[in-house]
Amino acid sequence: MTKQHLLALLVIALGIWANLEFQDAIAVAQGHDMSWEMKQLHEPPPFLLAREERGQVTIFDGLPSTEVDRALDGQFDRIGRMMFVRTRHVSDDGDVTVDDDCD
């Protein structure tokens, strides 16, 4: 493999990483305020529901507590197949506390 091939692979890998790293920020900047994870939570696609029916647990990481509460109310039939970790609690003064999940 030549240096050009290695450089091309590196550029592709960096492009994929940048896309994954910044896709939510770009969506918000473009006015699409619902992240991929939020769509999985509130508007789950049929393939995800099918996986959950077969026993898969979907893990949601770092969501605001208000969204967790909304999901538990609106997605009641999925409660046994969802796990919420590092939930963020925002106080009235704007301070954020993150669960350490060590209870």
PDB file of N, CA and C in Angstrom:
ATOM      1  N   MET A   1       0.845  -1.162   0.000  1.00  0.00           N
ATOM      2  CA  MET A   1       0.000   0.000   0.000  1.00  0.00           C
ATOM      3  C   MET A   1       0.901   1.240   0.000  1.00  0.00           C
ATOM      4  N   THR A   2       0.584   2.164  -0.869  1.00  0.00           N
ATOM      5  CA  THR A   2       1.423   3.357  -1.001  1.00  0.00           C
ATOM      6  C   THR A   2       1.022   4.423   0.021  1.00  0.00           C
ATOM      7  N   LYS A   3       1.864   5.438   0.134  1.00  0.00           N
ATOM      8  CA  LYS A   3       1.564   6.544   1.039  1.00  0.00           C
ATOM      9  C   LYS A   3       0.292   7.265   0.610  1.00  0.00           C
ATOM     10  N   GLN A   4       0.054   7.334  -0.695  1.00  0.00           N
ATOM     11  CA  GLN A   4      -1.158   7.991  -1.186  1.00  0.00           C
ATOM     12  C   GLN A   4      -2.404   7.226  -0.748  1.00  0.00           C
ATOM     13  N   HIS A   5      -2.337   5.888  -0.809  1.00  0.00           N
ATOM     14  CA  HIS A   5      -3.469   5.080  -0.365  1.00  0.00           C
ATOM     15  C   HIS A   5      -3.713   5.266   1.133  1.00  0.00           C
ATOM     16  N   LEU A   6      -2.647   5.270   1.915  1.00  0.00           N
ATOM     17  CA  LEU A   6      -2.781   5.469   3.356  1.00  0.00           C
ATOM     18  C   LEU A   6      -3.356   6.843   3.672  1.00  0.00           C
ATOM     19  N   LEU A   7      -2.894   7.856   2.952  1.00  0.00           N
ATOM     20  CA  LEU A   7      -3.407   9.204   3.157  1.00  0.00           C
ATOM     21  C   LEU A   7      -4.893   9.276   2.798  1.00  0.00           C
ATOM     22  N   ALA A   8      -5.273   8.636   1.708  1.00  0.00           N
ATOM     23  CA  ALA A   8      -6.676   8.624   1.302  1.00  0.00           C
ATOM     24  C   ALA A   8      -7.535   7.937   2.364  1.00  0.00           C
ATOM     25  N   LEU A   9      -7.070   6.824   2.905  1.00  0.00           N
ATOM     26  CA  LEU A   9      -7.809   6.129   3.960  1.00  0.00           C
ATOM     27  C   LEU A   9      -7.922   6.984   5.215  1.00  0.00           C
ATOM     28  N   LEU A  10      -6.860   7.687   5.547  1.00  0.00           N
ATOM     29  CA  LEU A  10      -6.880   8.565   6.710  1.00  0.00           C
ATOM     30  C   LEU A  10      -7.888   9.695   6.524  1.00  0.00           C
ATOM     31  N   VAL A  11      -7.914  10.288   5.350  1.00  0.00           N
ATOM     32  CA  VAL A  11      -8.857  11.371   5.065  1.00  0.00           C
ATOM     33  C   VAL A  11     -10.296  10.858   5.143  1.00  0.00           C
ATOM     34  N   ILE A  12     -10.549   9.687   4.610  1.00  0.00           N
ATOM     35  CA  ILE A  12     -11.893   9.099   4.672  1.00  0.00           C
ATOM     36  C   ILE A  12     -12.289   8.833   6.119  1.00  0.00           C
ATOM     37  N   ALA A  13     -11.373   8.249   6.890  1.00  0.00           N
ATOM     38  CA  ALA A  13     -11.659   7.958   8.298  1.00  0.00           C
ATOM     39  C   ALA A  13     -11.938   9.239   9.079  1.00  0.00           C
ATOM     40  N   LEU A  14     -11.164  10.280   8.834  1.00  0.00           N
ATOM     41  CA  LEU A  14     -11.397  11.556   9.514  1.00  0.00           C
ATOM     42  C   LEU A  14     -12.738  12.168   9.105  1.00  0.00           C
ATOM     43  N   GLY A  15     -13.099  12.015   7.849  1.00  0.00           N
ATOM     44  CA  GLY A  15     -14.391  12.519   7.389  1.00  0.00           C
ATOM     45  C   GLY A  15     -15.550  11.810   8.058  1.00  0.00           C
ATOM     46  N   ILE A  16     -15.447  10.498   8.182  1.00  0.00           N
ATOM     47  CA  ILE A  16     -16.490   9.729   8.870  1.00  0.00           C
ATOM     48  C   ILE A  16     -16.573  10.151  10.330  1.00  0.00           C
ATOM     49  N   TRP A  17     -15.418  10.277  10.980  1.00  0.00           N
ATOM     50  CA  TRP A  17     -15.400  10.688  12.386  1.00  0.00           C
ATOM     51  C   TRP A  17     -16.043  12.064  12.552  1.00  0.00           C
ATOM     52  N   ALA A  18     -15.676  13.014  11.696  1.00  0.00           N
ATOM     53  CA  ALA A  18     -16.221  14.370  11.801  1.00  0.00           C
ATOM     54  C   ALA A  18     -17.731  14.365  11.602  1.00  0.00           C
ATOM     55  N   ASN A  19     -18.218  13.566  10.675  1.00  0.00           N
ATOM     56  CA  ASN A  19     -19.652  13.474  10.446  1.00  0.00           C
ATOM     57  C   ASN A  19     -20.364  12.963  11.690  1.00  0.00           C
ATOM     58  N   LEU A  20     -19.844  11.901  12.270  1.00  0.00           N
ATOM     59  CA  LEU A  20     -20.465  11.347  13.470  1.00  0.00           C
ATOM     60  C   LEU A  20     -20.366  12.303  14.652  1.00  0.00           C
ATOM     61  N   GLU A  21     -19.259  12.984  14.760  1.00  0.00           N
ATOM     62  CA  GLU A  21     -19.024  13.877  15.898  1.00  0.00           C
ATOM     63  C   GLU A  21     -19.902  15.122  15.844  1.00  0.00           C
ATOM     64  N   PHE A  22     -20.131  15.652  14.664  1.00  0.00           N
ATOM     65  CA  PHE A  22     -20.785  16.950  14.554  1.00  0.00           C
ATOM     66  C   PHE A  22     -22.175  16.919  13.935  1.00  0.00           C
ATOM     67  N   GLN A  23     -22.726  15.756  13.637  1.00  0.00           N
ATOM     68  CA  GLN A  23     -24.001  15.722  12.940  1.00  0.00           C
ATOM     69  C   GLN A  23     -25.139  16.348  13.746  1.00  0.00           C
ATOM     70  N   ASP A  24     -25.167  16.159  15.072  1.00  0.00           N
ATOM     71  CA  ASP A  24     -26.224  16.773  15.867  1.00  0.00           C
ATOM     72  C   ASP A  24     -26.092  18.288  15.891  1.00  0.00           C
ATOM     73  N   ALA A  25     -24.877  18.802  16.030  1.00  0.00           N
ATOM     74  CA  ALA A  25     -24.664  20.252  16.052  1.00  0.00           C
ATOM     75  C   ALA A  25     -25.059  20.873  14.716  1.00  0.00           C
ATOM     76  N   ILE A  26     -24.750  20.205  13.638  1.00  0.00           N
ATOM     77  CA  ILE A  26     -25.106  20.710  12.312  1.00  0.00           C
ATOM     78  C   ILE A  26     -26.621  20.711  12.142  1.00  0.00           C
ATOM     79  N   ALA A  27     -27.276  19.654  12.604  1.00  0.00           N
ATOM     80  CA  ALA A  27     -28.735  19.580  12.492  1.00  0.00           C
ATOM     81  C   ALA A  27     -29.400  20.706  13.268  1.00  0.00           C
ATOM     82  N   VAL A  28     -28.911  20.996  14.464  1.00  0.00           N
ATOM     83  CA  VAL A  28     -29.469  22.092  15.260  1.00  0.00           C
ATOM     84  C   VAL A  28     -29.249  23.420  14.548  1.00  0.00           C
ATOM     85  N   ALA A  29     -28.055  23.630  14.001  1.00  0.00           N
ATOM     86  CA  ALA A  29     -27.755  24.879  13.300  1.00  0.00           C
ATOM     87  C   ALA A  29     -28.655  25.059  12.083  1.00  0.00           C
ATOM     88  N   GLN A  30     -29.072  23.956  11.477  1.00  0.00           N
ATOM     89  CA  GLN A  30     -29.937  24.028  10.302  1.00  0.00           C
ATOM     90  C   GLN A  30     -31.417  24.048  10.676  1.00  0.00           C
ATOM     91  N   GLY A  31     -31.701  24.056  11.971  1.00  0.00           N
ATOM     92  CA  GLY A  31     -33.091  24.118  12.402  1.00  0.00           C
ATOM     93  C   GLY A  31     -33.725  22.769  12.665  1.00  0.00           C
ATOM     94  N   HIS A  32     -32.986  21.703  12.543  1.00  0.00           N
ATOM     95  CA  HIS A  32     -33.499  20.372  12.847  1.00  0.00           C
ATOM     96  C   HIS A  32     -33.073  20.056  14.276  1.00  0.00           C
ATOM     97  N   ASP A  33     -33.944  20.369  15.235  1.00  0.00           N
ATOM     98  CA  ASP A  33     -33.522  20.297  16.626  1.00  0.00           C
ATOM     99  C   ASP A  33     -33.651  18.915  17.254  1.00  0.00           C
ATOM    100  N   MET A  34     -34.161  17.935  16.538  1.00  0.00           N
ATOM    101  CA  MET A  34     -34.295  16.609  17.116  1.00  0.00           C
ATOM    102  C   MET A  34     -33.119  15.744  16.665  1.00  0.00           C
ATOM    103  N   SER A  35     -32.286  15.338  17.604  1.00  0.00           N
ATOM    104  CA  SER A  35     -31.119  14.524  17.289  1.00  0.00           C
ATOM    105  C   SER A  35     -31.546  13.111  16.905  1.00  0.00           C
ATOM    106  N   TRP A  36     -30.600  12.369  16.384  1.00  0.00           N
ATOM    107  CA  TRP A  36     -30.846  10.980  16.011  1.00  0.00           C
ATOM    108  C   TRP A  36     -31.349  10.199  17.217  1.00  0.00           C
ATOM    109  N   GLU A  37     -30.703  10.405  18.361  1.00  0.00           N
ATOM    110  CA  GLU A  37     -31.092   9.665  19.563  1.00  0.00           C
ATOM    111  C   GLU A  37     -32.505  10.047  20.009  1.00  0.00           C
ATOM    112  N   MET A  38     -32.852  11.311  19.896  1.00  0.00           N
ATOM    113  CA  MET A  38     -34.198  11.749  20.272  1.00  0.00           C
ATOM    114  C   MET A  38     -35.243  11.156  19.329  1.00  0.00           C
ATOM    115  N   LYS A  39     -34.909  11.037  18.059  1.00  0.00           N
ATOM    116  CA  LYS A  39     -35.835  10.401  17.121  1.00  0.00           C
ATOM    117  C   LYS A  39     -36.013   8.928  17.466  1.00  0.00           C
ATOM    118  N   GLN A  40     -34.923   8.261  17.855  1.00  0.00           N
ATOM    119  CA  GLN A  40     -35.013   6.859  18.259  1.00  0.00           C
ATOM    120  C   GLN A  40     -35.904   6.711  19.492  1.00  0.00           C
ATOM    121  N   LEU A  41     -35.884   7.713  20.345  1.00  0.00           N
ATOM    122  CA  LEU A  41     -36.669   7.681  21.570  1.00  0.00           C
ATOM    123  C   LEU A  41     -38.138   7.984  21.314  1.00  0.00           C
ATOM    124  N   HIS A  42     -38.422   9.077  20.642  1.00  0.00           N
ATOM    125  CA  HIS A  42     -39.800   9.545  20.488  1.00  0.00           C
ATOM    126  C   HIS A  42     -40.482   9.076  19.209  1.00  0.00           C
ATOM    127  N   GLU A  43     -39.722   8.767  18.173  1.00  0.00           N
ATOM    128  CA  GLU A  43     -40.286   8.296  16.904  1.00  0.00           C
ATOM    129  C   GLU A  43     -39.513   7.063  16.445  1.00  0.00           C
ATOM    130  N   PRO A  44     -39.563   5.981  17.222  1.00  0.00           N
ATOM    131  CA  PRO A  44     -38.737   4.813  16.890  1.00  0.00           C
ATOM    132  C   PRO A  44     -39.144   4.195  15.552  1.00  0.00           C
ATOM    133  N   PRO A  45     -38.158   3.892  14.721  1.00  0.00           N
ATOM    134  CA  PRO A  45     -38.468   3.254  13.440  1.00  0.00           C
ATOM    135  C   PRO A  45     -38.917   1.811  13.663  1.00  0.00           C
ATOM    136  N   PRO A  46     -39.646   1.263  12.712  1.00  0.00           N
ATOM    137  CA  PRO A  46     -40.156  -0.104  12.861  1.00  0.00           C
ATOM    138  C   PRO A  46     -39.070  -1.142  13.144  1.00  0.00           C
ATOM    139  N   PHE A  47     -37.881  -1.005  12.539  1.00  0.00           N
ATOM    140  CA  PHE A  47     -36.841  -2.000  12.774  1.00  0.00           C
ATOM    141  C   PHE A  47     -36.373  -1.985  14.225  1.00  0.00           C
ATOM    142  N   LEU A  48     -36.359  -0.811  14.866  1.00  0.00           N
ATOM    143  CA  LEU A  48     -35.959  -0.729  16.269  1.00  0.00           C
ATOM    144  C   LEU A  48     -37.018  -1.364  17.159  1.00  0.00           C
ATOM    145  N   LEU A  49     -38.276  -1.091  16.868  1.00  0.00           N
ATOM    146  CA  LEU A  49     -39.351  -1.706  17.644  1.00  0.00           C
ATOM    147  C   LEU A  49     -39.321  -3.225  17.512  1.00  0.00           C
ATOM    148  N   ALA A  50     -39.017  -3.717  16.310  1.00  0.00           N
ATOM    149  CA  ALA A  50     -38.927  -5.168  16.103  1.00  0.00           C
ATOM    150  C   ALA A  50     -37.781  -5.762  16.912  1.00  0.00           C
ATOM    151  N   ARG A  51     -36.641  -5.085  16.934  1.00  0.00           N
ATOM    152  CA  ARG A  51     -35.504  -5.564  17.730  1.00  0.00           C
ATOM    153  C   ARG A  51     -35.857  -5.588  19.210  1.00  0.00           C
ATOM    154  N   GLU A  52     -36.516  -4.542  19.669  1.00  0.00           N
ATOM    155  CA  GLU A  52     -36.910  -4.494  21.074  1.00  0.00           C
ATOM    156  C   GLU A  52     -37.895  -5.609  21.401  1.00  0.00           C
ATOM    157  N   GLU A  53     -38.792  -5.911  20.478  1.00  0.00           N
ATOM    158  CA  GLU A  53     -39.736  -7.013  20.687  1.00  0.00           C
ATOM    159  C   GLU A  53     -39.007  -8.347  20.847  1.00  0.00           C
ATOM    160  N   ARG A  54     -37.847  -8.471  20.190  1.00  0.00           N
ATOM    161  CA  ARG A  54     -37.052  -9.706  20.297  1.00  0.00           C
ATOM    162  C   ARG A  54     -36.132  -9.695  21.517  1.00  0.00           C
ATOM    163  N   GLY A  55     -36.202  -8.640  22.335  1.00  0.00           N
ATOM    164  CA  GLY A  55     -35.440  -8.621  23.566  1.00  0.00           C
ATOM    165  C   GLY A  55     -34.313  -7.619  23.652  1.00  0.00           C
ATOM    166  N   GLN A  56     -34.054  -6.869  22.600  1.00  0.00           N
ATOM    167  CA  GLN A  56     -32.985  -5.864  22.654  1.00  0.00           C
ATOM    168  C   GLN A  56     -33.400  -4.717  23.565  1.00  0.00           C
ATOM    169  N   VAL A  57     -32.463  -4.243  24.351  1.00  0.00           N
ATOM    170  CA  VAL A  57     -32.679  -3.060  25.179  1.00  0.00           C
ATOM    171  C   VAL A  57     -31.966  -1.893  24.503  1.00  0.00           C
ATOM    172  N   THR A  58     -32.676  -0.791  24.318  1.00  0.00           N
ATOM    173  CA  THR A  58     -32.091   0.397  23.718  1.00  0.00           C
ATOM    174  C   THR A  58     -31.610   1.317  24.835  1.00  0.00           C
ATOM    175  N   ILE A  59     -30.343   1.707  24.778  1.00  0.00           N
ATOM    176  CA  ILE A  59     -29.739   2.542  25.810  1.00  0.00           C
ATOM    177  C   ILE A  59     -29.678   3.981  25.314  1.00  0.00           C
ATOM    178  N   PHE A  60     -30.168   4.891  26.137  1.00  0.00           N
ATOM    179  CA  PHE A  60     -30.147   6.317  25.832  1.00  0.00           C
ATOM    180  C   PHE A  60     -29.218   6.989  26.827  1.00  0.00           C
ATOM    181  N   ASP A  61     -28.227   7.692  26.317  1.00  0.00           N
ATOM    182  CA  ASP A  61     -27.152   8.236  27.144  1.00  0.00           C
ATOM    183  C   ASP A  61     -27.188   9.760  27.190  1.00  0.00           C
ATOM    184  N   GLY A  62     -27.222  10.315  28.403  1.00  0.00           N
ATOM    185  CA  GLY A  62     -27.057  11.749  28.589  1.00  0.00           C
ATOM    186  C   GLY A  62     -28.235  12.617  28.205  1.00  0.00           C
ATOM    187  N   LEU A  63     -29.437  12.065  28.225  1.00  0.00           N
ATOM    188  CA  LEU A  63     -30.606  12.866  27.865  1.00  0.00           C
ATOM    189  C   LEU A  63     -31.045  13.745  29.035  1.00  0.00           C
ATOM    190  N   PRO A  64     -31.693  14.864  28.734  1.00  0.00           N
ATOM    191  CA  PRO A  64     -32.262  15.685  29.807  1.00  0.00           C
ATOM    192  C   PRO A  64     -33.388  14.921  30.511  1.00  0.00           C
ATOM    193  N   SER A  65     -33.533  15.136  31.800  1.00  0.00           N
ATOM    194  CA  SER A  65     -34.555  14.419  32.570  1.00  0.00           C
ATOM    195  C   SER A  65     -35.958  14.704  32.044  1.00  0.00           C
ATOM    196  N   THR A  66     -36.178  15.883  31.476  1.00  0.00           N
ATOM    197  CA  THR A  66     -37.496  16.195  30.924  1.00  0.00           C
ATOM    198  C   THR A  66     -37.836  15.276  29.754  1.00  0.00           C
ATOM    199  N   GLU A  67     -36.839  14.932  28.941  1.00  0.00           N
ATOM    200  CA  GLU A  67     -37.068  14.024  27.814  1.00  0.00           C
ATOM    201  C   GLU A  67     -37.281  12.593  28.299  1.00  0.00           C
ATOM    202  N   VAL A  68     -36.564  12.212  29.349  1.00  0.00           N
ATOM    203  CA  VAL A  68     -36.763  10.877  29.925  1.00  0.00           C
ATOM    204  C   VAL A  68     -38.193  10.762  30.446  1.00  0.00           C
ATOM    205  N   ASP A  69     -38.651  11.770  31.182  1.00  0.00           N
ATOM    206  CA  ASP A  69     -40.021  11.760  31.699  1.00  0.00           C
ATOM    207  C   ASP A  69     -41.035  11.713  30.565  1.00  0.00           C
ATOM    208  N   ARG A  70     -40.793  12.498  29.520  1.00  0.00           N
ATOM    209  CA  ARG A  70     -41.697  12.511  28.358  1.00  0.00           C
ATOM    210  C   ARG A  70     -41.758  11.132  27.706  1.00  0.00           C
ATOM    211  N   ALA A  71     -40.603  10.484  27.597  1.00  0.00           N
ATOM    212  CA  ALA A  71     -40.561   9.156  26.986  1.00  0.00           C
ATOM    213  C   ALA A  71     -41.282   8.129  27.848  1.00  0.00           C
ATOM    214  N   LEU A  72     -41.087   8.205  29.147  1.00  0.00           N
ATOM    215  CA  LEU A  72     -41.737   7.245  30.032  1.00  0.00           C
ATOM    216  C   LEU A  72     -43.251   7.403  30.007  1.00  0.00           C
ATOM    217  N   ASP A  73     -43.731   8.623  29.791  1.00  0.00           N
ATOM    218  CA  ASP A  73     -45.172   8.856  29.667  1.00  0.00           C
ATOM    219  C   ASP A  73     -45.689   8.463  28.284  1.00  0.00           C
ATOM    220  N   GLY A  74     -44.953   8.823  27.243  1.00  0.00           N
ATOM    221  CA  GLY A  74     -45.428   8.628  25.877  1.00  0.00           C
ATOM    222  C   GLY A  74     -45.092   7.287  25.254  1.00  0.00           C
ATOM    223  N   GLN A  75     -44.090   6.600  25.780  1.00  0.00           N
ATOM    224  CA  GLN A  75     -43.663   5.313  25.220  1.00  0.00           C
ATOM    225  C   GLN A  75     -43.822   4.220  26.280  1.00  0.00           C
ATOM    226  N   PHE A  76     -44.948   4.245  26.964  1.00  0.00           N
ATOM    227  CA  PHE A  76     -45.158   3.364  28.108  1.00  0.00           C
ATOM    228  C   PHE A  76     -44.936   1.890  27.768  1.00  0.00           C
ATOM    229  N   ASP A  77     -45.339   1.485  26.563  1.00  0.00           N
ATOM    230  CA  ASP A  77     -45.191   0.080  26.168  1.00  0.00           C
ATOM    231  C   ASP A  77     -43.736  -0.331  25.960  1.00  0.00           C
ATOM    232  N   ARG A  78     -42.820   0.621  25.896  1.00  0.00           N
ATOM    233  CA  ARG A  78     -41.393   0.316  25.693  1.00  0.00           C
ATOM    234  C   ARG A  78     -40.574   0.404  26.980  1.00  0.00           C
ATOM    235  N   ILE A  79     -41.175   0.769  28.092  1.00  0.00           N
ATOM    236  CA  ILE A  79     -40.426   1.032  29.323  1.00  0.00           C
ATOM    237  C   ILE A  79     -39.477  -0.109  29.671  1.00  0.00           C
ATOM    238  N   GLY A  80     -39.916  -1.331  29.538  1.00  0.00           N
ATOM    239  CA  GLY A  80     -39.080  -2.483  29.890  1.00  0.00           C
ATOM    240  C   GLY A  80     -37.931  -2.731  28.930  1.00  0.00           C
ATOM    241  N   ARG A  81     -37.897  -2.002  27.819  1.00  0.00           N
ATOM    242  CA  ARG A  81     -36.860  -2.217  26.808  1.00  0.00           C
ATOM    243  C   ARG A  81     -35.997  -0.983  26.587  1.00  0.00           C
ATOM    244  N   MET A  82     -36.111  -0.007  27.493  1.00  0.00           N
ATOM    245  CA  MET A  82     -35.298   1.205  27.398  1.00  0.00           C
ATOM    246  C   MET A  82     -34.463   1.353  28.666  1.00  0.00           C
ATOM    247  N   MET A  83     -33.244   1.843  28.501  1.00  0.00           N
ATOM    248  CA  MET A  83     -32.371   2.130  29.635  1.00  0.00           C
ATOM    249  C   MET A  83     -31.844   3.548  29.466  1.00  0.00           C
ATOM    250  N   PHE A  84     -31.902   4.308  30.543  1.00  0.00           N
ATOM    251  CA  PHE A  84     -31.417   5.688  30.518  1.00  0.00           C
ATOM    252  C   PHE A  84     -30.214   5.792  31.442  1.00  0.00           C
ATOM    253  N   VAL A  85     -29.087   6.236  30.900  1.00  0.00           N
ATOM    254  CA  VAL A  85     -27.867   6.384  31.694  1.00  0.00           C
ATOM    255  C   VAL A  85     -27.378   7.824  31.606  1.00  0.00           C
ATOM    256  N   ARG A  86     -26.693   8.246  32.647  1.00  0.00           N
ATOM    257  CA  ARG A  86     -26.126   9.595  32.753  1.00  0.00           C
ATOM    258  C   ARG A  86     -27.154  10.678  32.404  1.00  0.00           C
ATOM    259  N   THR A  87     -28.357  10.528  32.963  1.00  0.00           N
ATOM    260  CA  THR A  87     -29.426  11.494  32.734  1.00  0.00           C
ATOM    261  C   THR A  87     -29.032  12.848  33.305  1.00  0.00           C
ATOM    262  N   ARG A  88     -29.294  13.907  32.536  1.00  0.00           N
ATOM    263  CA  ARG A  88     -28.943  15.271  32.947  1.00  0.00           C
ATOM    264  C   ARG A  88     -30.164  15.947  33.569  1.00  0.00           C
ATOM    265  N   HIS A  89     -29.988  16.449  34.787  1.00  0.00           N
ATOM    266  CA  HIS A  89     -31.044  17.175  35.488  1.00  0.00           C
ATOM    267  C   HIS A  89     -30.662  18.649  35.510  1.00  0.00           C
ATOM    268  N   VAL A  90     -31.536  19.497  34.961  1.00  0.00           N
ATOM    269  CA  VAL A  90     -31.275  20.934  34.907  1.00  0.00           C
ATOM    270  C   VAL A  90     -32.125  21.611  35.979  1.00  0.00           C
ATOM    271  N   SER A  91     -31.467  22.358  36.868  1.00  0.00           N
ATOM    272  CA  SER A  91     -32.188  23.074  37.921  1.00  0.00           C
ATOM    273  C   SER A  91     -32.761  24.373  37.366  1.00  0.00           C
ATOM    274  N   ASP A  92     -33.586  25.020  38.164  1.00  0.00           N
ATOM    275  CA  ASP A  92     -34.207  26.282  37.735  1.00  0.00           C
ATOM    276  C   ASP A  92     -33.184  27.370  37.435  1.00  0.00           C
ATOM    277  N   ASP A  93     -32.038  27.325  38.118  1.00  0.00           N
ATOM    278  CA  ASP A  93     -31.010  28.347  37.874  1.00  0.00           C
ATOM    279  C   ASP A  93     -30.045  27.967  36.752  1.00  0.00           C
ATOM    280  N   GLY A  94     -30.309  26.840  36.069  1.00  0.00           N
ATOM    281  CA  GLY A  94     -29.509  26.454  34.913  1.00  0.00           C
ATOM    282  C   GLY A  94     -28.366  25.504  35.187  1.00  0.00           C
ATOM    283  N   ASP A  95     -28.139  25.167  36.457  1.00  0.00           N
ATOM    284  CA  ASP A  95     -27.082  24.203  36.779  1.00  0.00           C
ATOM    285  C   ASP A  95     -27.492  22.809  36.313  1.00  0.00           C
ATOM    286  N   VAL A  96     -26.530  22.061  35.808  1.00  0.00           N
ATOM    287  CA  VAL A  96     -26.792  20.712  35.310  1.00  0.00           C
ATOM    288  C   VAL A  96     -26.118  19.701  36.220  1.00  0.00           C
ATOM    289  N   THR A  97     -26.898  18.718  36.663  1.00  0.00           N
ATOM    290  CA  THR A  97     -26.380  17.609  37.452  1.00  0.00           C
ATOM    291  C   THR A  97     -26.578  16.345  36.631  1.00  0.00           C
ATOM    292  N   VAL A  98     -25.543  15.522  36.558  1.00  0.00           N
ATOM    293  CA  VAL A  98     -25.616  14.281  35.787  1.00  0.00           C
ATOM    294  C   VAL A  98     -25.613  13.111  36.752  1.00  0.00           C
ATOM    295  N   ASP A  99     -26.576  12.178  36.560  1.00  0.00           N
ATOM    296  CA  ASP A  99     -26.598  10.966  37.372  1.00  0.00           C
ATOM    297  C   ASP A  99     -25.314  10.193  37.161  1.00  0.00           C
ATOM    298  N   ASP A 100     -24.758   9.647  38.251  1.00  0.00           N
ATOM    299  CA  ASP A 100     -23.565   8.813  38.098  1.00  0.00           C
ATOM    300  C   ASP A 100     -23.935   7.344  37.921  1.00  0.00           C
ATOM    301  N   ASP A 101     -25.219   7.022  38.017  1.00  0.00           N
ATOM    302  CA  ASP A 101     -25.739   5.671  37.796  1.00  0.00           C
ATOM    303  C   ASP A 101     -25.119   4.643  38.722  1.00  0.00           C
ATOM    304  N   CYS A 102     -24.750   5.048  39.920  1.00  0.00           N
ATOM    305  CA  CYS A 102     -24.135   4.125  40.875  1.00  0.00           C
ATOM    306  C   CYS A 102     -25.060   3.826  42.047  1.00  0.00           C
ATOM    307  N   ASP A 103     -26.356   4.012  41.869  1.00  0.00           N
ATOM    308  CA  ASP A 103     -27.303   3.760  42.964  1.00  0.00           C
ATOM    309  C   ASP A 103     -27.463   2.284  43.210  1.00  0.00           C
TER     310      ASP A 103
END
